[in-house]
């Protein structure tokens, strides 16, 4: 059976990345993900065989552990992600607590209210309600321990967020049922989904729909400005 040149088709061959370059590319990808990313997804992004990506990830994890790096690369929830090493947690907490001493901005308070009354809720739905990209402010709320990941949305597979015990403690509440009854003022989930779809063509919200992560920076403390 004739193939390739015999049919006049230009068959492109994906070049194999050098070992060092593959490691650097994987590091860059892992730095911008919010949840564990699968080997298949990394293989697709790097255009390299999955078995080679898996082998490189394991080697990178071993090398980081061997030199007692502050970064811990490990497999979790069916994927791979970089974490801070447990022994350095006190230093990380000190930095985050220092940042948490400042008051929450209006943007952060509004975002926190949406999460509180519509939890568990995805970042895209929060953005749809507020009408702005909430990536930075959501990271701030996570860093301050006021919200946390609470599974994934069954429809989109995106991470869902909910408030924490610290949130209740800061507000002097014993349970979410003690929150003032303003939930009816917020749009229903179906309305939120319609809003989310309408934002699909907006460059500001490309990341929410699986677009390029762009300038995503972990643990940033800047929030969106209204």
N, C-alpha and C. Protein backbone atom coordinates (compact mmCIF):
# COMPACT_ATOMS: atom_id res chain seq x y z
N UNK A 1 0.85 -1.19 0.00
CA UNK A 1 0.00 0.00 0.00
C UNK A 1 0.89 1.24 0.00
N UNK A 2 0.70 2.16 -0.97
CA UNK A 2 1.55 3.35 -1.02
C UNK A 2 1.22 4.30 0.11
N UNK A 3 2.23 4.86 0.71
CA UNK A 3 2.04 5.82 1.79
C UNK A 3 2.99 6.98 1.61
N UNK A 4 2.75 8.04 2.36
CA UNK A 4 3.69 9.15 2.40
C UNK A 4 4.01 9.72 1.05
N UNK A 5 5.31 9.68 0.67
CA UNK A 5 5.77 10.30 -0.56
C UNK A 5 5.12 9.68 -1.79
N UNK A 6 4.77 8.37 -1.73
CA UNK A 6 4.15 7.71 -2.87
C UNK A 6 2.81 8.33 -3.22
N UNK A 7 2.15 8.93 -2.25
CA UNK A 7 0.86 9.57 -2.49
C UNK A 7 1.00 11.08 -2.67
N UNK A 8 2.23 11.56 -2.62
CA UNK A 8 2.45 12.99 -2.75
C UNK A 8 2.08 13.76 -1.51
N UNK A 9 2.02 13.06 -0.36
CA UNK A 9 1.65 13.70 0.90
C UNK A 9 2.91 13.99 1.71
N UNK A 10 3.00 15.19 2.23
CA UNK A 10 4.15 15.56 3.06
C UNK A 10 3.89 15.08 4.48
N UNK A 11 4.52 13.98 4.85
CA UNK A 11 4.33 13.41 6.18
C UNK A 11 5.29 14.09 7.15
N UNK A 12 4.76 14.89 8.07
CA UNK A 12 5.60 15.62 9.02
C UNK A 12 6.05 14.69 10.13
N UNK A 13 7.31 14.79 10.47
CA UNK A 13 7.86 14.00 11.56
C UNK A 13 8.13 14.92 12.74
N UNK A 14 7.52 14.62 13.85
CA UNK A 14 7.71 15.43 15.04
C UNK A 14 9.10 15.17 15.61
N UNK A 15 9.94 16.20 15.73
CA UNK A 15 11.29 15.99 16.24
C UNK A 15 11.27 15.58 17.71
N UNK A 16 12.19 14.74 18.07
CA UNK A 16 12.29 14.31 19.47
C UNK A 16 13.07 15.35 20.24
N UNK A 17 12.51 15.82 21.33
CA UNK A 17 13.19 16.82 22.16
C UNK A 17 14.38 16.21 22.87
N UNK A 18 15.42 17.00 23.01
CA UNK A 18 16.56 16.56 23.81
C UNK A 18 16.09 16.33 25.24
N UNK A 19 16.76 15.45 25.95
CA UNK A 19 16.33 15.10 27.30
C UNK A 19 16.24 16.32 28.21
N UNK A 20 17.25 17.18 28.14
CA UNK A 20 17.25 18.38 28.98
C UNK A 20 16.14 19.33 28.62
N UNK A 21 15.88 19.48 27.32
CA UNK A 21 14.83 20.38 26.88
C UNK A 21 13.45 19.85 27.27
N UNK A 22 13.27 18.53 27.17
CA UNK A 22 12.00 17.93 27.57
C UNK A 22 11.73 18.20 29.05
N UNK A 23 12.77 18.07 29.87
CA UNK A 23 12.61 18.35 31.29
C UNK A 23 12.22 19.79 31.55
N UNK A 24 12.86 20.71 30.81
CA UNK A 24 12.56 22.13 30.98
C UNK A 24 11.13 22.45 30.55
N UNK A 25 10.69 21.83 29.45
CA UNK A 25 9.33 22.05 28.97
C UNK A 25 8.31 21.52 29.97
N UNK A 26 8.57 20.35 30.51
CA UNK A 26 7.66 19.77 31.50
C UNK A 26 7.58 20.64 32.75
N UNK A 27 8.72 21.19 33.18
CA UNK A 27 8.72 22.08 34.33
C UNK A 27 7.83 23.29 34.07
N UNK A 28 7.96 23.88 32.87
CA UNK A 28 7.16 25.06 32.52
C UNK A 28 5.67 24.73 32.53
N UNK A 29 5.32 23.57 32.00
CA UNK A 29 3.91 23.17 31.97
C UNK A 29 3.36 22.92 33.36
N UNK A 30 4.16 22.26 34.19
CA UNK A 30 3.69 21.91 35.53
C UNK A 30 3.56 23.13 36.44
N UNK A 31 4.28 24.20 36.10
CA UNK A 31 4.21 25.40 36.93
C UNK A 31 2.91 26.18 36.73
N UNK A 32 2.21 25.93 35.63
CA UNK A 32 1.02 26.74 35.35
C UNK A 32 -0.29 25.99 35.56
N UNK A 33 -0.22 24.73 35.99
CA UNK A 33 -1.46 23.97 36.19
C UNK A 33 -1.95 24.12 37.62
N UNK A 34 -3.27 24.16 37.79
CA UNK A 34 -3.88 24.28 39.11
C UNK A 34 -4.24 22.92 39.70
N UNK A 35 -4.34 21.91 38.83
CA UNK A 35 -4.68 20.56 39.27
C UNK A 35 -3.74 19.58 38.59
N UNK A 36 -3.61 18.36 39.13
CA UNK A 36 -2.73 17.37 38.50
C UNK A 36 -3.08 17.16 37.03
N UNK A 37 -2.05 17.11 36.18
CA UNK A 37 -2.25 16.95 34.74
C UNK A 37 -1.77 15.57 34.31
N UNK A 38 -2.52 14.92 33.46
CA UNK A 38 -2.22 13.55 33.06
C UNK A 38 -1.00 13.47 32.15
N UNK A 39 -0.42 12.28 32.11
CA UNK A 39 0.73 12.04 31.24
C UNK A 39 0.31 12.23 29.78
N UNK A 40 -0.88 11.78 29.44
CA UNK A 40 -1.36 11.92 28.06
C UNK A 40 -1.46 13.38 27.66
N UNK A 41 -1.93 14.23 28.57
CA UNK A 41 -2.05 15.65 28.28
C UNK A 41 -0.67 16.28 28.09
N UNK A 42 0.28 15.89 28.92
CA UNK A 42 1.65 16.40 28.80
C UNK A 42 2.30 15.89 27.52
N UNK A 43 2.02 14.64 27.17
CA UNK A 43 2.57 14.08 25.94
C UNK A 43 2.03 14.81 24.73
N UNK A 44 0.75 15.16 24.78
CA UNK A 44 0.13 15.89 23.68
C UNK A 44 0.72 17.29 23.56
N UNK A 45 0.93 17.95 24.70
CA UNK A 45 1.48 19.31 24.69
C UNK A 45 2.91 19.35 24.20
N UNK A 46 3.69 18.33 24.54
CA UNK A 46 5.11 18.29 24.15
C UNK A 46 5.33 17.56 22.84
N UNK A 47 4.29 16.89 22.34
CA UNK A 47 4.38 16.09 21.11
C UNK A 47 5.45 15.02 21.23
N UNK A 48 5.50 14.41 22.41
CA UNK A 48 6.45 13.34 22.68
C UNK A 48 5.68 12.10 23.13
N UNK A 49 6.27 10.91 22.97
CA UNK A 49 5.59 9.68 23.39
C UNK A 49 5.28 9.70 24.88
N UNK A 50 4.13 9.16 25.25
CA UNK A 50 3.71 9.15 26.65
C UNK A 50 4.68 8.40 27.53
N UNK A 51 5.25 7.29 27.01
CA UNK A 51 6.17 6.51 27.83
C UNK A 51 7.43 7.31 28.15
N UNK A 52 7.85 8.17 27.20
CA UNK A 52 9.04 8.99 27.45
C UNK A 52 8.73 10.09 28.46
N UNK A 53 7.56 10.68 28.37
CA UNK A 53 7.15 11.71 29.32
C UNK A 53 7.06 11.13 30.72
N UNK A 54 6.47 9.94 30.84
CA UNK A 54 6.35 9.29 32.15
C UNK A 54 7.72 9.02 32.76
N UNK A 55 8.64 8.50 31.94
CA UNK A 55 9.99 8.21 32.43
C UNK A 55 10.69 9.48 32.90
N UNK A 56 10.51 10.57 32.14
CA UNK A 56 11.16 11.83 32.50
C UNK A 56 10.55 12.40 33.79
N UNK A 57 9.25 12.30 33.95
CA UNK A 57 8.61 12.80 35.17
C UNK A 57 9.13 12.07 36.40
N UNK A 58 9.26 10.76 36.29
CA UNK A 58 9.76 9.98 37.42
C UNK A 58 11.20 10.34 37.75
N UNK A 59 12.00 10.56 36.70
CA UNK A 59 13.39 10.95 36.92
C UNK A 59 13.47 12.33 37.57
N UNK A 60 12.65 13.26 37.10
CA UNK A 60 12.63 14.61 37.68
C UNK A 60 12.24 14.56 39.15
N UNK A 61 11.24 13.73 39.47
CA UNK A 61 10.80 13.59 40.86
C UNK A 61 11.92 13.05 41.74
N UNK A 62 12.65 12.07 41.23
CA UNK A 62 13.76 11.48 41.98
C UNK A 62 14.88 12.50 42.19
N UNK A 63 15.18 13.28 41.15
CA UNK A 63 16.25 14.27 41.25
C UNK A 63 15.89 15.37 42.25
N UNK A 64 14.64 15.82 42.25
CA UNK A 64 14.21 16.85 43.20
C UNK A 64 14.29 16.34 44.63
N UNK A 65 13.91 15.08 44.83
CA UNK A 65 13.96 14.49 46.17
C UNK A 65 15.40 14.29 46.61
N UNK A 66 16.27 13.89 45.68
CA UNK A 66 17.67 13.62 46.02
C UNK A 66 18.40 14.87 46.50
N UNK A 67 18.08 16.01 45.91
CA UNK A 67 18.75 17.25 46.33
C UNK A 67 17.93 18.03 47.36
N UNK A 68 16.89 17.37 47.89
CA UNK A 68 16.07 17.97 48.94
C UNK A 68 15.52 19.32 48.51
N UNK A 69 15.03 19.36 47.29
CA UNK A 69 14.46 20.60 46.75
C UNK A 69 13.21 20.99 47.51
N UNK A 70 12.90 22.27 47.50
CA UNK A 70 11.67 22.74 48.13
C UNK A 70 10.45 22.36 47.33
N UNK A 71 10.67 21.90 46.09
CA UNK A 71 9.58 21.48 45.22
C UNK A 71 9.48 19.96 45.23
N UNK A 72 8.27 19.48 45.37
CA UNK A 72 8.01 18.04 45.39
C UNK A 72 7.13 17.70 44.19
N UNK A 73 7.69 17.00 43.22
CA UNK A 73 6.93 16.58 42.05
C UNK A 73 6.39 15.18 42.31
N UNK A 74 5.09 15.04 42.30
CA UNK A 74 4.53 13.72 42.58
C UNK A 74 3.24 13.47 41.80
N UNK A 75 2.93 12.18 41.72
CA UNK A 75 1.73 11.74 41.02
C UNK A 75 0.56 11.73 41.99
N UNK A 76 -0.55 12.33 41.58
CA UNK A 76 -1.73 12.40 42.44
C UNK A 76 -2.98 12.55 41.59
N UNK A 77 -4.04 11.91 42.00
CA UNK A 77 -5.34 12.02 41.33
C UNK A 77 -5.25 11.75 39.83
N UNK A 78 -4.44 10.77 39.46
CA UNK A 78 -4.34 10.39 38.06
C UNK A 78 -3.48 11.29 37.21
N UNK A 79 -2.76 12.22 37.83
CA UNK A 79 -1.90 13.12 37.07
C UNK A 79 -0.68 13.51 37.87
N UNK A 80 0.06 14.48 37.35
CA UNK A 80 1.28 14.96 38.00
C UNK A 80 1.16 16.45 38.28
N UNK A 81 1.76 16.86 39.42
CA UNK A 81 1.73 18.27 39.79
C UNK A 81 2.89 18.56 40.73
N UNK A 82 3.35 19.82 40.73
CA UNK A 82 4.40 20.25 41.65
C UNK A 82 3.78 20.79 42.93
N UNK A 83 4.34 20.40 44.05
CA UNK A 83 3.87 20.85 45.37
C UNK A 83 5.07 21.39 46.14
N UNK A 84 4.81 22.17 47.19
CA UNK A 84 5.89 22.55 48.08
C UNK A 84 6.15 21.38 49.02
N UNK A 85 7.43 21.12 49.31
CA UNK A 85 7.77 19.98 50.16
C UNK A 85 7.29 20.25 51.59
N UNK A 86 6.77 19.22 52.21
CA UNK A 86 6.12 19.34 53.52
C UNK A 86 7.03 19.95 54.59
N UNK A 87 8.31 19.62 54.56
CA UNK A 87 9.20 20.10 55.62
C UNK A 87 9.38 21.61 55.58
N UNK A 88 9.07 22.24 54.45
CA UNK A 88 9.22 23.69 54.33
C UNK A 88 7.89 24.42 54.50
N UNK A 89 6.86 23.69 54.90
CA UNK A 89 5.54 24.29 55.08
C UNK A 89 5.53 25.49 56.03
N UNK A 90 6.28 25.45 57.16
CA UNK A 90 6.25 26.61 58.07
C UNK A 90 6.66 27.92 57.40
N UNK A 91 7.63 27.85 56.48
CA UNK A 91 8.09 29.06 55.79
C UNK A 91 7.02 29.56 54.82
N UNK A 92 6.38 28.62 54.14
CA UNK A 92 5.32 28.99 53.20
C UNK A 92 4.16 29.62 53.96
N UNK A 93 3.79 29.01 55.08
CA UNK A 93 2.69 29.53 55.88
C UNK A 93 3.00 30.93 56.40
N UNK A 94 4.25 31.15 56.78
CA UNK A 94 4.64 32.46 57.29
C UNK A 94 4.45 33.53 56.22
N UNK A 95 4.86 33.21 54.99
CA UNK A 95 4.71 34.16 53.89
C UNK A 95 3.24 34.44 53.61
N UNK A 96 2.44 33.38 53.55
CA UNK A 96 1.03 33.55 53.24
C UNK A 96 0.28 34.26 54.34
N UNK A 97 0.63 33.98 55.58
CA UNK A 97 -0.04 34.65 56.70
C UNK A 97 0.32 36.12 56.75
N UNK A 98 1.56 36.46 56.39
CA UNK A 98 1.95 37.86 56.33
C UNK A 98 1.10 38.60 55.31
N UNK A 99 0.86 37.94 54.15
CA UNK A 99 0.02 38.56 53.13
C UNK A 99 -1.43 38.62 53.54
N UNK A 100 -1.83 37.67 54.38
CA UNK A 100 -3.24 37.60 54.77
C UNK A 100 -3.64 38.67 55.78
N UNK A 101 -2.63 39.35 56.33
CA UNK A 101 -2.96 40.37 57.34
C UNK A 101 -3.65 41.58 56.73
N UNK A 102 -3.41 41.79 55.43
CA UNK A 102 -4.06 42.92 54.79
C UNK A 102 -5.54 42.61 54.57
N UNK A 103 -6.34 43.66 54.48
CA UNK A 103 -7.78 43.47 54.31
C UNK A 103 -8.09 42.96 52.91
N UNK A 104 -9.17 42.22 52.79
CA UNK A 104 -9.61 41.76 51.48
C UNK A 104 -10.16 42.95 50.70
N UNK A 105 -9.89 42.96 49.41
CA UNK A 105 -10.41 44.01 48.55
C UNK A 105 -11.89 43.77 48.27
N UNK A 106 -12.52 44.75 47.68
CA UNK A 106 -13.93 44.59 47.31
C UNK A 106 -14.09 43.43 46.34
N UNK A 107 -13.15 43.31 45.39
CA UNK A 107 -13.22 42.22 44.42
C UNK A 107 -13.16 40.87 45.10
N UNK A 108 -12.28 40.76 46.11
CA UNK A 108 -12.14 39.50 46.83
C UNK A 108 -13.40 39.18 47.63
N UNK A 109 -13.98 40.20 48.26
CA UNK A 109 -15.19 39.99 49.05
C UNK A 109 -16.37 39.56 48.17
N UNK A 110 -16.48 40.18 46.99
CA UNK A 110 -17.57 39.82 46.08
C UNK A 110 -17.40 38.39 45.58
N UNK A 111 -16.16 38.03 45.25
CA UNK A 111 -15.88 36.66 44.79
C UNK A 111 -16.16 35.65 45.89
N UNK A 112 -15.75 35.98 47.10
CA UNK A 112 -15.98 35.10 48.24
C UNK A 112 -17.48 34.89 48.48
N UNK A 113 -18.27 35.94 48.28
CA UNK A 113 -19.72 35.83 48.46
C UNK A 113 -20.33 34.88 47.44
N UNK A 114 -19.87 34.96 46.19
CA UNK A 114 -20.39 34.07 45.15
C UNK A 114 -20.07 32.62 45.49
N UNK A 115 -18.84 32.37 45.93
CA UNK A 115 -18.45 31.00 46.30
C UNK A 115 -19.29 30.52 47.47
N UNK A 116 -19.47 31.38 48.47
CA UNK A 116 -20.20 30.99 49.68
C UNK A 116 -21.64 30.59 49.38
N UNK A 117 -22.30 31.34 48.48
CA UNK A 117 -23.72 31.09 48.23
C UNK A 117 -23.99 30.13 47.07
N UNK A 118 -22.96 29.81 46.30
CA UNK A 118 -23.18 28.91 45.16
C UNK A 118 -22.25 27.70 45.20
N UNK A 119 -21.64 27.43 46.35
CA UNK A 119 -20.71 26.31 46.44
C UNK A 119 -21.41 24.96 46.38
N UNK A 120 -20.71 23.94 45.84
CA UNK A 120 -19.42 24.05 45.16
C UNK A 120 -19.59 24.67 43.78
N UNK A 121 -18.67 25.54 43.41
CA UNK A 121 -18.81 26.29 42.16
C UNK A 121 -17.46 26.37 41.46
N UNK A 122 -17.47 26.33 40.14
CA UNK A 122 -16.23 26.41 39.37
C UNK A 122 -15.80 27.86 39.21
N UNK A 123 -14.53 28.02 38.87
CA UNK A 123 -13.99 29.36 38.64
C UNK A 123 -14.72 30.04 37.48
N UNK A 124 -15.07 29.27 36.44
CA UNK A 124 -15.75 29.85 35.28
C UNK A 124 -17.11 30.42 35.66
N UNK A 125 -17.82 29.72 36.54
CA UNK A 125 -19.13 30.20 36.96
C UNK A 125 -19.02 31.44 37.84
N UNK A 126 -17.99 31.48 38.67
CA UNK A 126 -17.78 32.69 39.48
C UNK A 126 -17.49 33.87 38.57
N UNK A 127 -16.66 33.65 37.54
CA UNK A 127 -16.34 34.71 36.58
C UNK A 127 -17.58 35.17 35.85
N UNK A 128 -18.47 34.22 35.52
CA UNK A 128 -19.69 34.58 34.81
C UNK A 128 -20.59 35.47 35.65
N UNK A 129 -20.67 35.19 36.94
CA UNK A 129 -21.49 36.00 37.85
C UNK A 129 -20.90 37.39 38.01
N UNK A 130 -19.58 37.45 38.20
CA UNK A 130 -18.95 38.75 38.47
C UNK A 130 -18.66 39.54 37.21
N UNK A 131 -18.56 38.85 36.06
CA UNK A 131 -18.32 39.56 34.82
C UNK A 131 -16.87 39.94 34.59
N UNK A 132 -15.96 39.37 35.38
CA UNK A 132 -14.53 39.62 35.22
C UNK A 132 -13.78 38.31 35.43
N UNK A 133 -12.53 38.27 34.97
CA UNK A 133 -11.69 37.11 35.22
C UNK A 133 -11.28 37.11 36.69
N UNK A 134 -11.51 35.99 37.38
CA UNK A 134 -11.26 35.95 38.83
C UNK A 134 -10.09 35.04 39.20
N UNK A 135 -9.24 34.69 38.24
CA UNK A 135 -8.13 33.78 38.54
C UNK A 135 -7.29 34.26 39.72
N UNK A 136 -6.84 35.50 39.65
CA UNK A 136 -5.94 36.02 40.69
C UNK A 136 -6.61 36.08 42.05
N UNK A 137 -7.84 36.57 42.08
CA UNK A 137 -8.52 36.72 43.37
C UNK A 137 -8.87 35.35 43.96
N UNK A 138 -9.17 34.37 43.11
CA UNK A 138 -9.44 33.02 43.62
C UNK A 138 -8.18 32.44 44.25
N UNK A 139 -7.03 32.66 43.62
CA UNK A 139 -5.77 32.17 44.20
C UNK A 139 -5.50 32.84 45.54
N UNK A 140 -5.84 34.12 45.64
CA UNK A 140 -5.66 34.83 46.90
C UNK A 140 -6.53 34.23 47.99
N UNK A 141 -7.77 33.93 47.68
CA UNK A 141 -8.69 33.35 48.67
C UNK A 141 -8.25 31.96 49.08
N UNK A 142 -7.73 31.18 48.12
CA UNK A 142 -7.19 29.85 48.46
C UNK A 142 -5.98 30.00 49.36
N UNK A 143 -5.09 30.94 49.01
CA UNK A 143 -3.88 31.15 49.80
C UNK A 143 -4.19 31.57 51.23
N UNK A 144 -5.26 32.31 51.40
CA UNK A 144 -5.64 32.76 52.74
C UNK A 144 -6.48 31.74 53.50
N UNK A 145 -6.73 30.62 52.86
CA UNK A 145 -7.45 29.55 53.54
C UNK A 145 -8.94 29.75 53.65
N UNK A 146 -9.49 30.69 52.88
CA UNK A 146 -10.93 30.98 52.96
C UNK A 146 -11.76 30.09 52.04
N UNK A 147 -11.16 29.64 50.94
CA UNK A 147 -11.83 28.69 50.06
C UNK A 147 -10.84 27.58 49.72
N UNK A 148 -11.37 26.46 49.24
CA UNK A 148 -10.52 25.33 48.89
C UNK A 148 -11.17 24.53 47.77
N UNK A 149 -10.37 23.73 47.08
CA UNK A 149 -10.93 22.88 46.03
C UNK A 149 -11.85 21.84 46.68
N UNK A 150 -12.97 21.58 46.03
CA UNK A 150 -13.96 20.64 46.58
C UNK A 150 -14.45 19.71 45.47
N UNK A 151 -13.54 18.96 44.91
CA UNK A 151 -13.89 18.03 43.86
C UNK A 151 -13.94 18.68 42.49
N UNK A 152 -14.59 18.02 41.55
CA UNK A 152 -14.69 18.53 40.18
C UNK A 152 -16.15 18.60 39.75
N UNK A 153 -16.41 19.50 38.81
CA UNK A 153 -17.76 19.65 38.28
C UNK A 153 -18.07 18.46 37.37
N UNK A 154 -19.19 17.77 37.57
CA UNK A 154 -19.50 16.58 36.78
C UNK A 154 -19.70 16.85 35.30
N UNK A 155 -20.07 18.07 34.94
CA UNK A 155 -20.31 18.40 33.54
C UNK A 155 -19.04 18.81 32.80
N UNK A 156 -18.28 19.74 33.39
CA UNK A 156 -17.09 20.26 32.71
C UNK A 156 -15.79 19.59 33.13
N UNK A 157 -15.78 18.96 34.30
CA UNK A 157 -14.55 18.36 34.80
C UNK A 157 -13.62 19.37 35.45
N UNK A 158 -14.04 20.63 35.49
CA UNK A 158 -13.21 21.68 36.10
C UNK A 158 -13.28 21.59 37.62
N UNK A 159 -12.25 22.11 38.27
CA UNK A 159 -12.22 22.09 39.73
C UNK A 159 -13.33 22.97 40.30
N UNK A 160 -13.97 22.47 41.35
CA UNK A 160 -14.99 23.24 42.06
C UNK A 160 -14.42 23.75 43.37
N UNK A 161 -14.96 24.86 43.85
CA UNK A 161 -14.45 25.46 45.07
C UNK A 161 -15.57 25.64 46.10
N UNK A 162 -15.18 25.58 47.37
CA UNK A 162 -16.12 25.77 48.47
C UNK A 162 -15.41 26.52 49.59
N UNK A 163 -16.17 27.07 50.51
CA UNK A 163 -15.57 27.78 51.64
C UNK A 163 -15.04 26.79 52.67
N UNK A 164 -14.20 27.28 53.56
CA UNK A 164 -13.55 26.44 54.56
C UNK A 164 -14.08 26.72 55.97
N UNK A 165 -13.58 25.93 56.91
CA UNK A 165 -13.92 26.17 58.32
C UNK A 165 -13.39 27.52 58.77
N UNK A 166 -12.23 27.92 58.23
CA UNK A 166 -11.67 29.22 58.58
C UNK A 166 -12.61 30.34 58.16
N UNK A 167 -13.26 30.18 57.01
CA UNK A 167 -14.23 31.16 56.54
C UNK A 167 -15.34 31.34 57.56
N UNK A 168 -15.88 30.22 58.06
CA UNK A 168 -16.94 30.29 59.07
C UNK A 168 -16.43 30.95 60.35
N UNK A 169 -15.21 30.57 60.72
CA UNK A 169 -14.62 31.11 61.95
C UNK A 169 -14.45 32.62 61.86
N UNK A 170 -13.95 33.10 60.71
CA UNK A 170 -13.73 34.54 60.54
C UNK A 170 -15.04 35.33 60.57
N UNK A 171 -16.12 34.69 60.11
CA UNK A 171 -17.42 35.37 60.10
C UNK A 171 -18.21 35.12 61.37
N UNK A 172 -17.67 34.30 62.27
CA UNK A 172 -18.37 34.01 63.51
C UNK A 172 -19.60 33.15 63.32
N UNK A 173 -19.56 32.26 62.32
CA UNK A 173 -20.69 31.39 62.03
C UNK A 173 -20.39 29.96 62.45
N UNK A 174 -21.43 29.22 62.75
CA UNK A 174 -21.24 27.81 63.09
C UNK A 174 -21.45 26.90 61.89
N UNK A 175 -22.24 27.36 60.93
CA UNK A 175 -22.47 26.58 59.71
C UNK A 175 -22.91 27.51 58.60
N UNK A 176 -22.94 26.99 57.37
CA UNK A 176 -23.34 27.81 56.23
C UNK A 176 -24.80 28.22 56.31
N UNK A 177 -25.59 27.47 57.06
CA UNK A 177 -27.01 27.82 57.20
C UNK A 177 -27.19 29.13 57.95
N UNK A 178 -26.13 29.59 58.62
CA UNK A 178 -26.21 30.85 59.36
C UNK A 178 -25.99 32.07 58.46
N UNK A 179 -25.63 31.84 57.20
CA UNK A 179 -25.40 32.96 56.28
C UNK A 179 -26.70 33.71 56.03
N UNK A 180 -26.65 35.03 55.87
CA UNK A 180 -27.86 35.79 55.54
C UNK A 180 -28.46 35.27 54.25
N UNK A 181 -29.77 35.31 54.14
CA UNK A 181 -30.46 34.73 52.99
C UNK A 181 -30.46 35.69 51.80
N UNK A 182 -29.32 35.76 51.09
CA UNK A 182 -29.27 36.59 49.88
C UNK A 182 -29.07 35.73 48.64
N UNK A 183 -29.02 34.41 48.81
CA UNK A 183 -28.80 33.51 47.67
C UNK A 183 -29.80 33.74 46.53
N UNK A 184 -31.09 34.03 46.83
CA UNK A 184 -32.03 34.25 45.72
C UNK A 184 -31.65 35.40 44.81
N UNK A 185 -30.79 36.30 45.28
CA UNK A 185 -30.37 37.43 44.47
C UNK A 185 -29.32 37.03 43.44
N UNK A 186 -28.71 35.85 43.61
CA UNK A 186 -27.69 35.38 42.68
C UNK A 186 -28.35 34.52 41.61
N UNK A 187 -27.80 34.52 40.37
CA UNK A 187 -28.40 33.73 39.29
C UNK A 187 -28.29 32.24 39.55
N UNK A 188 -29.25 31.47 39.01
CA UNK A 188 -29.21 30.02 39.13
C UNK A 188 -28.08 29.45 38.29
N UNK A 189 -27.78 28.16 38.52
CA UNK A 189 -26.68 27.51 37.81
C UNK A 189 -26.88 27.54 36.31
N UNK A 190 -28.12 27.31 35.82
CA UNK A 190 -28.37 27.31 34.38
C UNK A 190 -28.07 28.67 33.76
N UNK A 191 -28.43 29.72 34.48
CA UNK A 191 -28.15 31.07 33.99
C UNK A 191 -26.66 31.32 33.97
N UNK A 192 -25.97 30.84 35.02
CA UNK A 192 -24.52 31.00 35.08
C UNK A 192 -23.86 30.30 33.91
N UNK A 193 -24.33 29.08 33.58
CA UNK A 193 -23.76 28.34 32.47
C UNK A 193 -23.95 29.09 31.15
N UNK A 194 -25.12 29.71 30.98
CA UNK A 194 -25.36 30.49 29.76
C UNK A 194 -24.39 31.66 29.68
N UNK A 195 -24.16 32.30 30.82
CA UNK A 195 -23.21 33.41 30.86
C UNK A 195 -21.81 32.93 30.53
N UNK A 196 -21.43 31.75 31.06
CA UNK A 196 -20.11 31.20 30.83
C UNK A 196 -19.88 30.96 29.34
N UNK A 197 -20.92 30.42 28.66
CA UNK A 197 -20.79 30.15 27.24
C UNK A 197 -20.64 31.44 26.45
N UNK A 198 -21.32 32.49 26.89
CA UNK A 198 -21.26 33.76 26.17
C UNK A 198 -19.90 34.42 26.28
N UNK A 199 -19.11 33.99 27.27
CA UNK A 199 -17.78 34.56 27.47
C UNK A 199 -16.72 33.82 26.67
N UNK A 200 -17.12 32.77 25.97
CA UNK A 200 -16.15 31.91 25.30
C UNK A 200 -15.26 32.63 24.32
N UNK A 201 -15.80 33.67 23.64
CA UNK A 201 -15.02 34.38 22.63
C UNK A 201 -14.23 35.54 23.20
N UNK A 202 -14.38 35.80 24.48
CA UNK A 202 -13.66 36.91 25.10
C UNK A 202 -12.24 36.49 25.43
N UNK A 203 -11.21 37.19 24.90
CA UNK A 203 -9.82 36.84 25.19
C UNK A 203 -9.51 36.81 26.67
N UNK A 204 -10.18 37.70 27.45
CA UNK A 204 -9.90 37.75 28.89
C UNK A 204 -10.25 36.44 29.57
N UNK A 205 -11.20 35.69 29.00
CA UNK A 205 -11.68 34.48 29.65
C UNK A 205 -11.24 33.21 28.92
N UNK A 206 -10.25 33.34 28.03
CA UNK A 206 -9.81 32.18 27.25
C UNK A 206 -9.34 31.06 28.15
N UNK A 207 -8.64 31.38 29.20
CA UNK A 207 -8.10 30.34 30.09
C UNK A 207 -9.20 29.53 30.75
N UNK A 208 -10.32 30.17 31.03
CA UNK A 208 -11.40 29.47 31.73
C UNK A 208 -11.99 28.37 30.87
N UNK A 209 -11.84 28.50 29.54
CA UNK A 209 -12.39 27.51 28.64
C UNK A 209 -11.32 26.65 28.01
N UNK A 210 -10.20 26.52 28.69
CA UNK A 210 -9.16 25.62 28.22
C UNK A 210 -8.14 26.27 27.32
N UNK A 211 -8.13 27.61 27.22
CA UNK A 211 -7.16 28.28 26.39
C UNK A 211 -5.81 28.31 27.04
N UNK A 212 -4.87 29.01 26.37
CA UNK A 212 -3.52 29.08 26.89
C UNK A 212 -3.51 29.78 28.22
N UNK A 213 -2.73 29.27 29.20
CA UNK A 213 -2.72 29.86 30.52
C UNK A 213 -2.12 31.23 30.58
N UNK A 214 -1.34 31.59 29.56
CA UNK A 214 -0.79 32.94 29.52
C UNK A 214 0.06 33.26 30.72
N UNK A 215 -0.26 34.40 31.39
CA UNK A 215 0.59 34.86 32.49
C UNK A 215 0.16 34.36 33.82
N UNK A 216 -0.37 33.15 33.91
CA UNK A 216 -0.79 32.62 35.21
C UNK A 216 0.40 32.45 36.13
N UNK A 217 0.30 32.99 37.34
CA UNK A 217 1.38 32.89 38.30
C UNK A 217 0.84 32.33 39.59
N UNK A 218 1.40 31.20 40.06
CA UNK A 218 0.88 30.59 41.27
C UNK A 218 1.04 31.48 42.49
N UNK A 219 0.03 31.41 43.34
CA UNK A 219 0.04 32.12 44.61
C UNK A 219 0.22 33.63 44.45
N UNK A 220 -0.31 34.22 43.36
CA UNK A 220 -0.23 35.66 43.22
C UNK A 220 -1.21 36.31 44.18
N UNK A 221 -0.87 37.50 44.64
CA UNK A 221 -1.74 38.16 45.61
C UNK A 221 -2.46 39.35 44.99
N UNK A 222 -2.22 39.62 43.70
CA UNK A 222 -2.95 40.69 43.04
C UNK A 222 -4.36 40.20 42.75
N UNK A 223 -5.32 41.10 42.83
CA UNK A 223 -6.70 40.71 42.54
C UNK A 223 -7.21 41.56 41.40
N UNK A 224 -8.34 41.12 40.80
CA UNK A 224 -8.91 41.88 39.70
C UNK A 224 -9.38 43.22 40.22
N UNK A 225 -9.37 44.19 39.35
CA UNK A 225 -9.71 45.57 39.75
C UNK A 225 -11.03 45.95 39.12
N UNK A 226 -11.92 46.47 39.95
CA UNK A 226 -13.24 46.87 39.44
C UNK A 226 -13.25 48.36 39.12
